[in-house]
Amino acid sequence: MIVLYLLCLGLIILLGGAFYAYYVAFYAPENRKNPEPSFEKSTYDSYREVLTAAYGSLRERECETVTIYSQDGLRLSGRYYHTRDGAPLDIGFHGYRSSAFLDFCGGSALSFEMGHNLLLVDQRCHGNSEGHSITFGVREREDVLCWVLYARERFGPEVQIMLYGVSMGAATVLMASELELPENVKGIVADCPYGSGLDIILEVARKRGYPLRLIRPLVLLGARIYGGFDLRDAEPERAVRRAKVPILLIHGEPDGFVPCRMSENIRQANPEQVTRITFPGADHGFSYLADTPRYRRAVAEFSRSVLKQTDNPPSPPGH
């Protein structure tokens, strides 16, 4: 009887720990789905004025709210910005517990300057999109395919599509690269992606001094039982091995959240398809701000190299 009691108690503790891990790492309550940036963190010190202006400019720009449904029935929301008929379409995917407005307030200007139309997506569990379990790209990669198919249906079979992602969004588009994407997808730009969902969670746990031998099984169990997904499937590095479209990786060398080595491991997984550039002095997601001319030049040149030239396209910035 005592043994049975101890086993039950141990099971309760295990399931409780797994739920706590799920709640902290993966659960998205309604009051955390629409973060409003304050730019008060010290990492914003050098860029606060530029970020505030860019954020405000994008919020005020005229756009169309669009919705689609995911393969598992969630309503997903996005904002479409029209530049010109027949232009290439850039689709942007933001990072973990962030927003499209924050992660693309700077980079969106590059899309507009290149004459591209832009679709900024609220990833599942974020913004106006439904869902409560963030899966670090496991289900989000299927959402990428849904958005691509939507774009193809709306803008026609000839529309040229570029996929952009920042942080978890970068991991998401890289994981989508192994799917059967339509030939409309011409290239992927991934800014500061992690190589593995489990690895980045353990990296954060290590920095916070948590016992990794305890955290690892609890995170995996929490994702499986309460989120209904296998975190070990969140493997951008593995997915890129089967990528059939050109990929540009961007990473800040002193990235304090996603180690820069992770994107190098991704590059090595498929060096024929992947080009990588790094930015000295750029923390996580700050490469665009750290050296805007170089960032714009790299993305514009990559875009020009993978897209068919349209009639009278605008000159890429920096040329």
C-alpha atoms as a PDB file:
ATOM      1  CA  MET A   1       0.000   0.000   0.000  1.00  0.00           C
ATOM      2  CA  ILE A   2       2.786   2.402   0.879  1.00  0.00           C
ATOM      3  CA  VAL A   3       4.542   1.578  -2.377  1.00  0.00           C
ATOM      4  CA  LEU A   4       1.373   2.317  -4.336  1.00  0.00           C
ATOM      5  CA  TYR A   5       0.929   5.579  -2.461  1.00  0.00           C
ATOM      6  CA  LEU A   6       4.497   6.632  -3.242  1.00  0.00           C
ATOM      7  CA  LEU A   7       4.068   5.712  -6.890  1.00  0.00           C
ATOM      8  CA  CYS A   8       0.899   7.786  -7.111  1.00  0.00           C
ATOM      9  CA  LEU A   9       2.581  10.687  -5.352  1.00  0.00           C
ATOM     10  CA  GLY A  10       5.554  10.455  -7.706  1.00  0.00           C
ATOM     11  CA  LEU A  11       3.231  10.427 -10.714  1.00  0.00           C
ATOM     12  CA  ILE A  12       1.375  13.486  -9.443  1.00  0.00           C
ATOM     13  CA  ILE A  13       4.653  15.340  -8.936  1.00  0.00           C
ATOM     14  CA  LEU A  14       5.861  14.333 -12.406  1.00  0.00           C
ATOM     15  CA  LEU A  15       2.649  15.425 -14.118  1.00  0.00           C
ATOM     16  CA  GLY A  16       2.612  18.638 -12.106  1.00  0.00           C
ATOM     17  CA  GLY A  17       6.174  19.403 -13.098  1.00  0.00           C
ATOM     18  CA  ALA A  18       5.391  18.638 -16.731  1.00  0.00           C
ATOM     19  CA  PHE A  19       2.379  20.960 -16.626  1.00  0.00           C
ATOM     20  CA  TYR A  20       4.468  23.739 -15.118  1.00  0.00           C
ATOM     21  CA  ALA A  21       7.071  23.296 -17.872  1.00  0.00           C
ATOM     22  CA  TYR A  22       4.309  23.384 -20.497  1.00  0.00           C
ATOM     23  CA  TYR A  23       2.733  26.482 -18.971  1.00  0.00           C
ATOM     24  CA  VAL A  24       6.001  28.395 -18.842  1.00  0.00           C
ATOM     25  CA  ALA A  25       7.430  27.374 -22.220  1.00  0.00           C
ATOM     26  CA  PHE A  26       4.454  26.721 -24.483  1.00  0.00           C
ATOM     27  CA  TYR A  27       1.168  28.074 -23.139  1.00  0.00           C
ATOM     28  CA  ALA A  28      -0.129  31.379 -24.488  1.00  0.00           C
ATOM     29  CA  PRO A  29      -2.955  32.917 -22.428  1.00  0.00           C
ATOM     30  CA  GLU A  30      -5.070  35.614 -24.031  1.00  0.00           C
ATOM     31  CA  ASN A  31      -3.466  38.418 -22.023  1.00  0.00           C
ATOM     32  CA  ARG A  32      -0.016  37.575 -23.446  1.00  0.00           C
ATOM     33  CA  LYS A  33      -0.985  37.279 -27.108  1.00  0.00           C
ATOM     34  CA  ASN A  34      -0.687  40.981 -28.002  1.00  0.00           C
ATOM     35  CA  PRO A  35       2.539  42.339 -26.506  1.00  0.00           C
ATOM     36  CA  GLU A  36       2.968  46.092 -26.744  1.00  0.00           C
ATOM     37  CA  PRO A  37       6.666  46.996 -26.824  1.00  0.00           C
ATOM     38  CA  SER A  38       7.900  49.688 -24.505  1.00  0.00           C
ATOM     39  CA  PHE A  39      11.522  49.594 -25.708  1.00  0.00           C
ATOM     40  CA  GLU A  40      12.595  50.136 -22.102  1.00  0.00           C
ATOM     41  CA  LYS A  41      15.116  47.272 -21.918  1.00  0.00           C
ATOM     42  CA  SER A  42      18.757  48.297 -21.934  1.00  0.00           C
ATOM     43  CA  THR A  43      19.302  46.352 -25.175  1.00  0.00           C
ATOM     44  CA  TYR A  44      17.134  48.964 -26.901  1.00  0.00           C
ATOM     45  CA  ASP A  45      19.198  51.915 -25.685  1.00  0.00           C
ATOM     46  CA  SER A  46      21.057  52.508 -28.947  1.00  0.00           C
ATOM     47  CA  TYR A  47      18.015  52.005 -31.143  1.00  0.00           C
ATOM     48  CA  ARG A  48      15.054  53.247 -29.107  1.00  0.00           C
ATOM     49  CA  GLU A  49      14.345  56.328 -31.197  1.00  0.00           C
ATOM     50  CA  VAL A  50      14.667  54.475 -34.523  1.00  0.00           C
ATOM     51  CA  LEU A  51      12.541  51.552 -33.306  1.00  0.00           C
ATOM     52  CA  THR A  52       9.809  53.780 -31.936  1.00  0.00           C
ATOM     53  CA  ALA A  53       9.548  55.669 -35.215  1.00  0.00           C
ATOM     54  CA  ALA A  54       9.597  52.509 -37.347  1.00  0.00           C
ATOM     55  CA  TYR A  55       7.038  50.796 -35.128  1.00  0.00           C
ATOM     56  CA  GLY A  56       4.703  53.760 -35.302  1.00  0.00           C
ATOM     57  CA  SER A  57       5.110  54.071 -39.063  1.00  0.00           C
ATOM     58  CA  LEU A  58       4.180  50.441 -39.679  1.00  0.00           C
ATOM     59  CA  ARG A  59       1.193  50.619 -37.310  1.00  0.00           C
ATOM     60  CA  GLU A  60      -0.137  53.619 -39.206  1.00  0.00           C
ATOM     61  CA  ARG A  61       0.412  52.192 -42.704  1.00  0.00           C
ATOM     62  CA  GLU A  62      -2.753  51.191 -44.514  1.00  0.00           C
ATOM     63  CA  CYS A  63      -3.290  47.446 -44.664  1.00  0.00           C
ATOM     64  CA  GLU A  64      -5.927  44.781 -45.141  1.00  0.00           C
ATOM     65  CA  THR A  65      -6.682  42.253 -42.412  1.00  0.00           C
ATOM     66  CA  VAL A  66      -6.857  38.744 -43.845  1.00  0.00           C
ATOM     67  CA  THR A  67      -7.731  35.412 -42.228  1.00  0.00           C
ATOM     68  CA  ILE A  68      -7.229  31.776 -43.143  1.00  0.00           C
ATOM     69  CA  TYR A  69      -7.633  28.481 -41.302  1.00  0.00           C
ATOM     70  CA  SER A  70      -4.848  26.158 -40.269  1.00  0.00           C
ATOM     71  CA  GLN A  71      -4.838  22.451 -41.020  1.00  0.00           C
ATOM     72  CA  ASP A  72      -6.005  21.796 -37.454  1.00  0.00           C
ATOM     73  CA  GLY A  73      -8.834  24.331 -37.639  1.00  0.00           C
ATOM     74  CA  LEU A  74      -7.398  27.473 -36.016  1.00  0.00           C
ATOM     75  CA  ARG A  75      -8.276  30.879 -37.432  1.00  0.00           C
ATOM     76  CA  LEU A  76      -5.024  32.605 -38.382  1.00  0.00           C
ATOM     77  CA  SER A  77      -4.758  36.338 -38.956  1.00  0.00           C
ATOM     78  CA  GLY A  78      -2.432  38.524 -40.987  1.00  0.00           C
ATOM     79  CA  ARG A  79      -2.057  42.010 -42.442  1.00  0.00           C
ATOM     80  CA  TYR A  80      -1.556  42.549 -46.142  1.00  0.00           C
ATOM     81  CA  TYR A  81       0.259  45.642 -47.428  1.00  0.00           C
ATOM     82  CA  HIS A  82      -0.164  46.318 -51.146  1.00  0.00           C
ATOM     83  CA  THR A  83       2.622  48.035 -53.066  1.00  0.00           C
ATOM     84  CA  ARG A  84       1.819  47.238 -56.701  1.00  0.00           C
ATOM     85  CA  ASP A  85      -0.002  44.657 -58.799  1.00  0.00           C
ATOM     86  CA  GLY A  86       2.088  41.695 -59.945  1.00  0.00           C
ATOM     87  CA  ALA A  87       4.901  42.364 -57.473  1.00  0.00           C
ATOM     88  CA  PRO A  88       6.653  39.593 -55.531  1.00  0.00           C
ATOM     89  CA  LEU A  89       5.089  38.839 -52.169  1.00  0.00           C
ATOM     90  CA  ASP A  90       7.110  38.766 -48.945  1.00  0.00           C
ATOM     91  CA  ILE A  91       5.518  36.788 -46.084  1.00  0.00           C
ATOM     92  CA  GLY A  92       6.909  37.517 -42.620  1.00  0.00           C
ATOM     93  CA  PHE A  93       6.755  35.305 -39.524  1.00  0.00           C
ATOM     94  CA  HIS A  94       7.625  36.824 -36.140  1.00  0.00           C
ATOM     95  CA  GLY A  95       9.303  35.295 -33.119  1.00  0.00           C
ATOM     96  CA  TYR A  96       8.370  33.662 -29.831  1.00  0.00           C
ATOM     97  CA  ARG A  97       5.900  35.717 -27.755  1.00  0.00           C
ATOM     98  CA  SER A  98       6.538  38.678 -30.046  1.00  0.00           C
ATOM     99  CA  SER A  99       4.569  40.353 -32.817  1.00  0.00           C
ATOM    100  CA  ALA A 100       4.840  41.115 -36.515  1.00  0.00           C
ATOM    101  CA  PHE A 101       4.789  44.832 -35.782  1.00  0.00           C
ATOM    102  CA  LEU A 102       7.790  44.566 -33.502  1.00  0.00           C
ATOM    103  CA  ASP A 103       9.904  42.071 -35.435  1.00  0.00           C
ATOM    104  CA  PHE A 104       9.273  43.613 -38.875  1.00  0.00           C
ATOM    105  CA  CYS A 105       8.904  47.306 -38.113  1.00  0.00           C
ATOM    106  CA  GLY A 106      12.352  47.843 -39.624  1.00  0.00           C
ATOM    107  CA  GLY A 107      12.573  45.081 -42.206  1.00  0.00           C
ATOM    108  CA  SER A 108       9.147  45.866 -43.650  1.00  0.00           C
ATOM    109  CA  ALA A 109      10.577  49.106 -45.035  1.00  0.00           C
ATOM    110  CA  LEU A 110      12.969  47.026 -47.109  1.00  0.00           C
ATOM    111  CA  SER A 111      10.081  45.089 -48.665  1.00  0.00           C
ATOM    112  CA  PHE A 112       8.352  48.340 -49.580  1.00  0.00           C
ATOM    113  CA  GLU A 113      11.555  49.852 -50.999  1.00  0.00           C
ATOM    114  CA  MET A 114      12.099  46.790 -53.193  1.00  0.00           C
ATOM    115  CA  GLY A 115       8.578  47.216 -54.536  1.00  0.00           C
ATOM    116  CA  HIS A 116       7.287  43.998 -52.971  1.00  0.00           C
ATOM    117  CA  ASN A 117       3.878  43.384 -51.492  1.00  0.00           C
ATOM    118  CA  LEU A 118       4.004  42.278 -47.870  1.00  0.00           C
ATOM    119  CA  LEU A 119       1.967  39.894 -45.739  1.00  0.00           C
ATOM    120  CA  LEU A 120       2.774  39.968 -42.024  1.00  0.00           C
ATOM    121  CA  VAL A 121       1.409  36.973 -40.163  1.00  0.00           C
ATOM    122  CA  ASP A 122       0.285  36.661 -36.564  1.00  0.00           C
ATOM    123  CA  GLN A 123       1.659  33.235 -35.727  1.00  0.00           C
ATOM    124  CA  ARG A 124      -0.728  30.832 -33.995  1.00  0.00           C
ATOM    125  CA  CYS A 125      -1.184  31.726 -30.320  1.00  0.00           C
ATOM    126  CA  HIS A 126      -0.105  35.303 -31.044  1.00  0.00           C
ATOM    127  CA  GLY A 127      -1.897  38.517 -31.912  1.00  0.00           C
ATOM    128  CA  ASN A 128      -5.292  37.912 -33.497  1.00  0.00           C
ATOM    129  CA  SER A 129      -4.589  34.284 -34.397  1.00  0.00           C
ATOM    130  CA  GLU A 130      -6.186  31.503 -32.402  1.00  0.00           C
ATOM    131  CA  GLY A 131      -4.443  28.822 -30.363  1.00  0.00           C
ATOM    132  CA  HIS A 132      -2.844  28.376 -26.956  1.00  0.00           C
ATOM    133  CA  SER A 133       0.069  25.974 -27.543  1.00  0.00           C
ATOM    134  CA  ILE A 134       3.228  27.439 -29.062  1.00  0.00           C
ATOM    135  CA  THR A 135       4.995  24.489 -30.710  1.00  0.00           C
ATOM    136  CA  PHE A 136       8.331  26.062 -31.708  1.00  0.00           C
ATOM    137  CA  GLY A 137       7.677  25.395 -35.403  1.00  0.00           C
ATOM    138  CA  VAL A 138       6.200  21.881 -35.261  1.00  0.00           C
ATOM    139  CA  ARG A 139       2.697  23.028 -36.213  1.00  0.00           C
ATOM    140  CA  GLU A 140       3.673  26.522 -37.295  1.00  0.00           C
ATOM    141  CA  ARG A 141       5.520  25.106 -40.330  1.00  0.00           C
ATOM    142  CA  GLU A 142       2.203  23.737 -41.612  1.00  0.00           C
ATOM    143  CA  ASP A 143       0.734  27.214 -41.136  1.00  0.00           C
ATOM    144  CA  VAL A 144       3.467  28.544 -43.434  1.00  0.00           C
ATOM    145  CA  LEU A 145       2.250  26.180 -46.147  1.00  0.00           C
ATOM    146  CA  CYS A 146      -1.340  27.332 -45.562  1.00  0.00           C
ATOM    147  CA  TRP A 147      -0.332  30.963 -46.022  1.00  0.00           C
ATOM    148  CA  VAL A 148       1.628  30.133 -49.179  1.00  0.00           C
ATOM    149  CA  LEU A 149      -1.360  28.299 -50.655  1.00  0.00           C
ATOM    150  CA  TYR A 150      -3.591  31.236 -49.736  1.00  0.00           C
ATOM    151  CA  ALA A 151      -1.231  33.633 -51.513  1.00  0.00           C
ATOM    152  CA  ARG A 152      -1.098  31.428 -54.598  1.00  0.00           C
ATOM    153  CA  GLU A 153      -4.878  31.241 -54.756  1.00  0.00           C
ATOM    154  CA  ARG A 154      -5.388  34.956 -54.200  1.00  0.00           C
ATOM    155  CA  PHE A 155      -2.606  36.402 -56.338  1.00  0.00           C
ATOM    156  CA  GLY A 156      -2.397  33.737 -59.010  1.00  0.00           C
ATOM    157  CA  PRO A 157      -0.144  30.795 -59.853  1.00  0.00           C
ATOM    158  CA  GLU A 158       2.641  33.070 -61.084  1.00  0.00           C
ATOM    159  CA  VAL A 159       3.120  35.058 -57.872  1.00  0.00           C
ATOM    160  CA  GLN A 160       6.692  34.914 -56.594  1.00  0.00           C
ATOM    161  CA  ILE A 161       6.964  34.418 -52.847  1.00  0.00           C
ATOM    162  CA  MET A 162       9.761  35.078 -50.375  1.00  0.00           C
ATOM    163  CA  LEU A 163       9.503  33.733 -46.838  1.00  0.00           C
ATOM    164  CA  TYR A 164      10.983  35.789 -44.006  1.00  0.00           C
ATOM    165  CA  GLY A 165      11.324  34.852 -40.354  1.00  0.00           C
ATOM    166  CA  VAL A 166      12.867  36.236 -37.173  1.00  0.00           C
ATOM    167  CA  SER A 167      13.916  34.011 -34.245  1.00  0.00           C
ATOM    168  CA  MET A 168      11.185  31.368 -33.827  1.00  0.00           C
ATOM    169  CA  GLY A 169       9.717  32.684 -37.070  1.00  0.00           C
ATOM    170  CA  ALA A 170      13.074  32.003 -38.715  1.00  0.00           C
ATOM    171  CA  ALA A 171      13.057  28.460 -37.346  1.00  0.00           C
ATOM    172  CA  THR A 172       9.478  28.094 -38.582  1.00  0.00           C
ATOM    173  CA  VAL A 173      10.217  29.011 -42.203  1.00  0.00           C
ATOM    174  CA  LEU A 174      13.329  26.806 -42.168  1.00  0.00           C
ATOM    175  CA  MET A 175      11.260  23.865 -40.958  1.00  0.00           C
ATOM    176  CA  ALA A 176       8.757  24.598 -43.730  1.00  0.00           C
ATOM    177  CA  SER A 177      11.580  24.293 -46.270  1.00  0.00           C
ATOM    178  CA  GLU A 178      11.351  20.498 -46.121  1.00  0.00           C
ATOM    179  CA  LEU A 179       7.640  20.485 -46.968  1.00  0.00           C
ATOM    180  CA  GLU A 180       6.231  20.198 -50.476  1.00  0.00           C
ATOM    181  CA  LEU A 181       6.143  23.936 -51.042  1.00  0.00           C
ATOM    182  CA  PRO A 182       4.768  25.201 -54.374  1.00  0.00           C
ATOM    183  CA  GLU A 183       7.394  26.388 -56.838  1.00  0.00           C
ATOM    184  CA  ASN A 184       6.149  29.925 -56.172  1.00  0.00           C
ATOM    185  CA  VAL A 185       8.392  30.001 -53.085  1.00  0.00           C
ATOM    186  CA  LYS A 186      11.664  31.291 -54.453  1.00  0.00           C
ATOM    187  CA  GLY A 187      13.718  31.893 -51.317  1.00  0.00           C
ATOM    188  CA  ILE A 188      13.853  32.048 -47.534  1.00  0.00           C
ATOM    189  CA  VAL A 189      15.475  34.671 -45.305  1.00  0.00           C
ATOM    190  CA  ALA A 190      15.926  33.483 -41.720  1.00  0.00           C
ATOM    191  CA  ASP A 191      17.210  35.940 -39.110  1.00  0.00           C
ATOM    192  CA  CYS A 192      18.719  34.425 -35.918  1.00  0.00           C
ATOM    193  CA  PRO A 193      17.122  30.953 -36.056  1.00  0.00           C
ATOM    194  CA  TYR A 194      17.734  28.193 -33.534  1.00  0.00           C
ATOM    195  CA  GLY A 195      18.788  24.762 -34.740  1.00  0.00           C
ATOM    196  CA  SER A 196      16.511  22.817 -32.383  1.00  0.00           C
ATOM    197  CA  GLY A 197      13.511  23.760 -30.258  1.00  0.00           C
ATOM    198  CA  LEU A 198      14.663  21.554 -27.415  1.00  0.00           C
ATOM    199  CA  ASP A 199      18.210  22.890 -27.593  1.00  0.00           C
ATOM    200  CA  ILE A 200      17.148  26.526 -27.334  1.00  0.00           C
ATOM    201  CA  ILE A 201      14.907  25.801 -24.348  1.00  0.00           C
ATOM    202  CA  LEU A 202      17.757  23.978 -22.615  1.00  0.00           C
ATOM    203  CA  GLU A 203      20.122  26.821 -23.509  1.00  0.00           C
ATOM    204  CA  VAL A 204      17.834  29.320 -21.801  1.00  0.00           C
ATOM    205  CA  ALA A 205      17.392  26.979 -18.820  1.00  0.00           C
ATOM    206  CA  ARG A 206      21.167  26.609 -18.508  1.00  0.00           C
ATOM    207  CA  LYS A 207      21.670  30.370 -18.444  1.00  0.00           C
ATOM    208  CA  ARG A 208      19.077  30.651 -15.685  1.00  0.00           C
ATOM    209  CA  GLY A 209      20.765  27.981 -13.628  1.00  0.00           C
ATOM    210  CA  TYR A 210      18.058  25.310 -13.906  1.00  0.00           C
ATOM    211  CA  PRO A 211      19.059  21.612 -13.656  1.00  0.00           C
ATOM    212  CA  LEU A 212      19.046  20.402 -17.267  1.00  0.00           C
ATOM    213  CA  ARG A 213      18.650  16.738 -16.373  1.00  0.00           C
ATOM    214  CA  LEU A 214      15.359  17.625 -14.733  1.00  0.00           C
ATOM    215  CA  ILE A 215      14.196  20.237 -17.229  1.00  0.00           C
ATOM    216  CA  ARG A 216      14.693  18.087 -20.336  1.00  0.00           C
ATOM    217  CA  PRO A 217      12.219  15.291 -19.497  1.00  0.00           C
ATOM    218  CA  LEU A 218       9.690  17.718 -18.004  1.00  0.00           C
ATOM    219  CA  VAL A 219       9.705  19.918 -21.114  1.00  0.00           C
ATOM    220  CA  LEU A 220       9.366  16.947 -23.446  1.00  0.00           C
ATOM    221  CA  LEU A 221       6.607  15.420 -21.345  1.00  0.00           C
ATOM    222  CA  GLY A 222       4.751  18.712 -20.965  1.00  0.00           C
ATOM    223  CA  ALA A 223       4.801  19.327 -24.710  1.00  0.00           C
ATOM    224  CA  ARG A 224       3.555  15.810 -25.415  1.00  0.00           C
ATOM    225  CA  ILE A 225       0.827  15.528 -22.775  1.00  0.00           C
ATOM    226  CA  TYR A 226      -0.531  19.081 -22.576  1.00  0.00           C
ATOM    227  CA  GLY A 227       0.484  20.492 -25.957  1.00  0.00           C
ATOM    228  CA  GLY A 228      -0.068  17.349 -28.009  1.00  0.00           C
ATOM    229  CA  PHE A 229       3.191  17.620 -29.945  1.00  0.00           C
ATOM    230  CA  ASP A 230       6.693  16.181 -29.877  1.00  0.00           C
ATOM    231  CA  LEU A 231       9.223  18.957 -29.276  1.00  0.00           C
ATOM    232  CA  ARG A 232      11.904  16.766 -30.856  1.00  0.00           C
ATOM    233  CA  ASP A 233      10.186  17.441 -34.197  1.00  0.00           C
ATOM    234  CA  ALA A 234      11.202  21.115 -33.911  1.00  0.00           C
ATOM    235  CA  GLU A 235      14.479  20.629 -35.781  1.00  0.00           C
ATOM    236  CA  PRO A 236      15.249  23.377 -38.333  1.00  0.00           C
ATOM    237  CA  GLU A 237      18.778  22.043 -38.731  1.00  0.00           C
ATOM    238  CA  ARG A 238      17.467  18.643 -39.773  1.00  0.00           C
ATOM    239  CA  ALA A 239      14.740  20.107 -42.002  1.00  0.00           C
ATOM    240  CA  VAL A 240      17.179  22.251 -43.988  1.00  0.00           C
ATOM    241  CA  ARG A 241      18.984  19.141 -45.185  1.00  0.00           C
ATOM    242  CA  ARG A 242      15.996  18.538 -47.463  1.00  0.00           C
ATOM    243  CA  ALA A 243      15.456  22.161 -48.486  1.00  0.00           C
ATOM    244  CA  LYS A 244      15.034  22.751 -52.209  1.00  0.00           C
ATOM    245  CA  VAL A 245      14.964  26.564 -52.181  1.00  0.00           C
ATOM    246  CA  PRO A 246      17.831  29.010 -51.572  1.00  0.00           C
ATOM    247  CA  ILE A 247      18.196  30.193 -47.977  1.00  0.00           C
ATOM    248  CA  LEU A 248      19.869  33.275 -46.527  1.00  0.00           C
ATOM    249  CA  LEU A 249      20.784  33.022 -42.846  1.00  0.00           C
ATOM    250  CA  ILE A 250      21.438  36.175 -40.830  1.00  0.00           C
ATOM    251  CA  HIS A 251      22.760  36.200 -37.276  1.00  0.00           C
ATOM    252  CA  GLY A 252      24.257  38.624 -34.799  1.00  0.00           C
ATOM    253  CA  GLU A 253      27.612  37.329 -33.590  1.00  0.00           C
ATOM    254  CA  PRO A 254      27.107  38.183 -29.878  1.00  0.00           C
ATOM    255  CA  ASP A 255      23.465  37.013 -29.865  1.00  0.00           C
ATOM    256  CA  GLY A 256      22.635  36.585 -26.188  1.00  0.00           C
ATOM    257  CA  PHE A 257      19.535  34.443 -26.717  1.00  0.00           C
ATOM    258  CA  VAL A 258      20.103  32.149 -29.710  1.00  0.00           C
ATOM    259  CA  PRO A 259      23.830  31.363 -29.964  1.00  0.00           C
ATOM    260  CA  CYS A 260      25.317  32.290 -33.322  1.00  0.00           C
ATOM    261  CA  ARG A 261      26.770  28.779 -33.657  1.00  0.00           C
ATOM    262  CA  MET A 262      23.263  27.415 -34.194  1.00  0.00           C
ATOM    263  CA  SER A 263      22.880  29.120 -37.570  1.00  0.00           C
ATOM    264  CA  GLU A 264      26.339  27.899 -38.589  1.00  0.00           C
ATOM    265  CA  ASN A 265      25.231  24.346 -37.856  1.00  0.00           C
ATOM    266  CA  ILE A 266      22.189  24.971 -40.040  1.00  0.00           C
ATOM    267  CA  ARG A 267      24.388  26.244 -42.863  1.00  0.00           C
ATOM    268  CA  GLN A 268      26.575  23.168 -42.662  1.00  0.00           C
ATOM    269  CA  ALA A 269      23.493  20.960 -42.953  1.00  0.00           C
ATOM    270  CA  ASN A 270      22.992  22.093 -46.571  1.00  0.00           C
ATOM    271  CA  PRO A 271      25.813  24.367 -47.774  1.00  0.00           C
ATOM    272  CA  GLU A 272      24.667  24.155 -51.404  1.00  0.00           C
ATOM    273  CA  GLN A 273      21.389  25.906 -50.617  1.00  0.00           C
ATOM    274  CA  VAL A 274      22.363  28.048 -47.629  1.00  0.00           C
ATOM    275  CA  THR A 275      24.258  31.345 -47.500  1.00  0.00           C
ATOM    276  CA  ARG A 276      25.086  32.820 -44.105  1.00  0.00           C
ATOM    277  CA  ILE A 277      26.178  36.288 -43.023  1.00  0.00           C
ATOM    278  CA  THR A 278      26.869  37.475 -39.490  1.00  0.00           C
ATOM    279  CA  PHE A 279      26.822  40.900 -37.897  1.00  0.00           C
ATOM    280  CA  PRO A 280      29.400  41.924 -35.266  1.00  0.00           C
ATOM    281  CA  GLY A 281      27.894  43.761 -32.305  1.00  0.00           C
ATOM    282  CA  ALA A 282      24.296  42.685 -33.023  1.00  0.00           C
ATOM    283  CA  ASP A 283      22.305  41.102 -30.210  1.00  0.00           C
ATOM    284  CA  HIS A 284      19.302  38.853 -30.812  1.00  0.00           C
ATOM    285  CA  GLY A 285      17.236  40.177 -33.729  1.00  0.00           C
ATOM    286  CA  PHE A 286      19.226  43.428 -33.925  1.00  0.00           C
ATOM    287  CA  SER A 287      21.289  42.786 -37.063  1.00  0.00           C
ATOM    288  CA  TYR A 288      19.093  45.099 -39.151  1.00  0.00           C
ATOM    289  CA  LEU A 289      19.603  47.922 -36.682  1.00  0.00           C
ATOM    290  CA  ALA A 290      23.286  47.239 -36.053  1.00  0.00           C
ATOM    291  CA  ASP A 291      24.225  47.721 -39.720  1.00  0.00           C
ATOM    292  CA  THR A 292      21.168  48.704 -41.734  1.00  0.00           C
ATOM    293  CA  PRO A 293      22.955  49.425 -45.059  1.00  0.00           C
ATOM    294  CA  ARG A 294      24.735  46.042 -45.050  1.00  0.00           C
ATOM    295  CA  TYR A 295      21.568  44.198 -44.012  1.00  0.00           C
ATOM    296  CA  ARG A 296      19.506  45.856 -46.736  1.00  0.00           C
ATOM    297  CA  ARG A 297      22.178  45.211 -49.342  1.00  0.00           C
ATOM    298  CA  ALA A 298      22.470  41.517 -48.418  1.00  0.00           C
ATOM    299  CA  VAL A 299      18.711  40.905 -48.482  1.00  0.00           C
ATOM    300  CA  ALA A 300      18.178  42.917 -51.666  1.00  0.00           C
ATOM    301  CA  GLU A 301      20.957  41.065 -53.487  1.00  0.00           C
ATOM    302  CA  PHE A 302      19.657  37.692 -52.308  1.00  0.00           C
ATOM    303  CA  SER A 303      16.120  38.599 -53.333  1.00  0.00           C
ATOM    304  CA  ARG A 304      17.261  39.786 -56.733  1.00  0.00           C
ATOM    305  CA  SER A 305      19.245  36.588 -57.271  1.00  0.00           C
ATOM    306  CA  VAL A 306      16.309  34.242 -56.653  1.00  0.00           C
ATOM    307  CA  LEU A 307      13.426  36.210 -58.140  1.00  0.00           C
ATOM    308  CA  LYS A 308      12.635  36.559 -61.810  1.00  0.00           C
ATOM    309  CA  GLN A 309      12.903  40.177 -62.816  1.00  0.00           C
ATOM    310  CA  THR A 310       9.554  41.916 -63.163  1.00  0.00           C
ATOM    311  CA  ASP A 311       8.801  44.819 -65.431  1.00  0.00           C
ATOM    312  CA  ASN A 312      10.515  48.013 -64.263  1.00  0.00           C
ATOM    313  CA  PRO A 313      11.257  46.902 -60.697  1.00  0.00           C
ATOM    314  CA  PRO A 314      12.508  49.545 -58.268  1.00  0.00           C
ATOM    315  CA  SER A 315      16.230  49.658 -57.719  1.00  0.00           C
ATOM    316  CA  PRO A 316      17.297  47.707 -54.604  1.00  0.00           C
ATOM    317  CA  PRO A 317      18.289  49.970 -51.694  1.00  0.00           C
ATOM    318  CA  GLY A 318      21.979  50.587 -51.373  1.00  0.00           C
ATOM    319  CA  HIS A 319      22.657  50.304 -55.148  1.00  0.00           C
END
